[in-house]
Amino acid sequence: MDNTTPAGYAIGWGSLALINAGLAQGKNRSGLAWFLLSLLLGPIATFLIVVLDKVPENNG
């Protein structure tokens, strides 16, 4: 049986967007913004999150 249905791709893409939001928050970036960006860019957004440096915390 073929598991490559459009619903399967949508679930995978949405899961990746959630993972990216968590990665972004770990680097002090907006989880919501990266979630939405990930819905559009998918794995490209994952790559960007991984290669971008962590944003310094603002302790002021």
C-alpha atoms as a PDB file:
ATOM      1  CA  MET A   1       0.000   0.000   0.000  1.00  0.00           C
ATOM      2  CA  ASP A   2       1.229   3.478  -0.870  1.00  0.00           C
ATOM      3  CA  ASN A   3       1.782   5.814   2.128  1.00  0.00           C
ATOM      4  CA  THR A   4       2.609   8.904   0.064  1.00  0.00           C
ATOM      5  CA  THR A   5      -0.817  10.504   0.220  1.00  0.00           C
ATOM      6  CA  PRO A   6      -1.310  14.281   0.298  1.00  0.00           C
ATOM      7  CA  ALA A   7      -2.547  13.973   3.895  1.00  0.00           C
ATOM      8  CA  GLY A   8       0.675  12.196   4.837  1.00  0.00           C
ATOM      9  CA  TYR A   9       2.770  14.956   3.335  1.00  0.00           C
ATOM     10  CA  ALA A  10       0.697  17.605   5.127  1.00  0.00           C
ATOM     11  CA  ILE A  11       1.165  15.853   8.472  1.00  0.00           C
ATOM     12  CA  GLY A  12       4.921  15.622   7.898  1.00  0.00           C
ATOM     13  CA  TRP A  13       5.179  19.245   6.781  1.00  0.00           C
ATOM     14  CA  GLY A  14       3.173  20.426   9.802  1.00  0.00           C
ATOM     15  CA  SER A  15       5.282  18.343  12.163  1.00  0.00           C
ATOM     16  CA  LEU A  16       8.435  19.833  10.688  1.00  0.00           C
ATOM     17  CA  ALA A  17       7.009  23.334  11.212  1.00  0.00           C
ATOM     18  CA  LEU A  18       6.368  22.528  14.898  1.00  0.00           C
ATOM     19  CA  ILE A  19       9.889  21.169  15.318  1.00  0.00           C
ATOM     20  CA  ASN A  20      11.290  24.295  13.664  1.00  0.00           C
ATOM     21  CA  ALA A  21       9.315  26.503  16.049  1.00  0.00           C
ATOM     22  CA  GLY A  22      10.915  24.683  18.980  1.00  0.00           C
ATOM     23  CA  LEU A  23      14.384  24.998  17.453  1.00  0.00           C
ATOM     24  CA  ALA A  24      13.818  28.708  16.871  1.00  0.00           C
ATOM     25  CA  GLN A  25      12.725  29.291  20.469  1.00  0.00           C
ATOM     26  CA  GLY A  26      15.853  27.497  21.629  1.00  0.00           C
ATOM     27  CA  LYS A  27      17.850  30.113  19.732  1.00  0.00           C
ATOM     28  CA  ASN A  28      15.832  33.012  21.231  1.00  0.00           C
ATOM     29  CA  ARG A  29      13.889  33.603  18.016  1.00  0.00           C
ATOM     30  CA  SER A  30      10.151  33.915  17.506  1.00  0.00           C
ATOM     31  CA  GLY A  31       8.602  30.458  17.459  1.00  0.00           C
ATOM     32  CA  LEU A  32       5.412  31.699  15.804  1.00  0.00           C
ATOM     33  CA  ALA A  33       7.257  33.518  13.029  1.00  0.00           C
ATOM     34  CA  TRP A  34       9.427  30.491  12.300  1.00  0.00           C
ATOM     35  CA  PHE A  35       6.417  28.167  12.437  1.00  0.00           C
ATOM     36  CA  LEU A  36       4.660  30.232   9.778  1.00  0.00           C
ATOM     37  CA  LEU A  37       7.836  30.569   7.723  1.00  0.00           C
ATOM     38  CA  SER A  38       8.335  26.810   7.965  1.00  0.00           C
ATOM     39  CA  LEU A  39       4.874  26.187   6.556  1.00  0.00           C
ATOM     40  CA  LEU A  40       6.060  28.003   3.431  1.00  0.00           C
ATOM     41  CA  LEU A  41       9.701  26.920   3.217  1.00  0.00           C
ATOM     42  CA  GLY A  42       9.767  23.549   5.004  1.00  0.00           C
ATOM     43  CA  PRO A  43      13.256  22.010   5.089  1.00  0.00           C
ATOM     44  CA  ILE A  44      14.862  25.235   3.886  1.00  0.00           C
ATOM     45  CA  ALA A  45      13.644  26.940   7.077  1.00  0.00           C
ATOM     46  CA  THR A  46      15.135  24.083   9.105  1.00  0.00           C
ATOM     47  CA  PHE A  47      18.486  24.661   7.443  1.00  0.00           C
ATOM     48  CA  LEU A  48      18.289  28.402   8.138  1.00  0.00           C
ATOM     49  CA  ILE A  49      17.483  27.866  11.814  1.00  0.00           C
ATOM     50  CA  VAL A  50      20.391  25.471  12.200  1.00  0.00           C
ATOM     51  CA  VAL A  51      22.987  27.714  10.546  1.00  0.00           C
ATOM     52  CA  LEU A  52      21.881  31.008  12.113  1.00  0.00           C
ATOM     53  CA  ASP A  53      23.564  31.973  15.376  1.00  0.00           C
ATOM     54  CA  LYS A  54      21.666  32.176  18.642  1.00  0.00           C
ATOM     55  CA  VAL A  55      20.264  35.635  19.368  1.00  0.00           C
ATOM     56  CA  PRO A  56      21.820  37.049  22.552  1.00  0.00           C
ATOM     57  CA  GLU A  57      19.394  37.420  25.452  1.00  0.00           C
ATOM     58  CA  ASN A  58      18.415  40.964  26.351  1.00  0.00           C
ATOM     59  CA  ASN A  59      18.960  41.202  30.120  1.00  0.00           C
ATOM     60  CA  GLY A  60      18.114  44.869  30.363  1.00  0.00           C
END
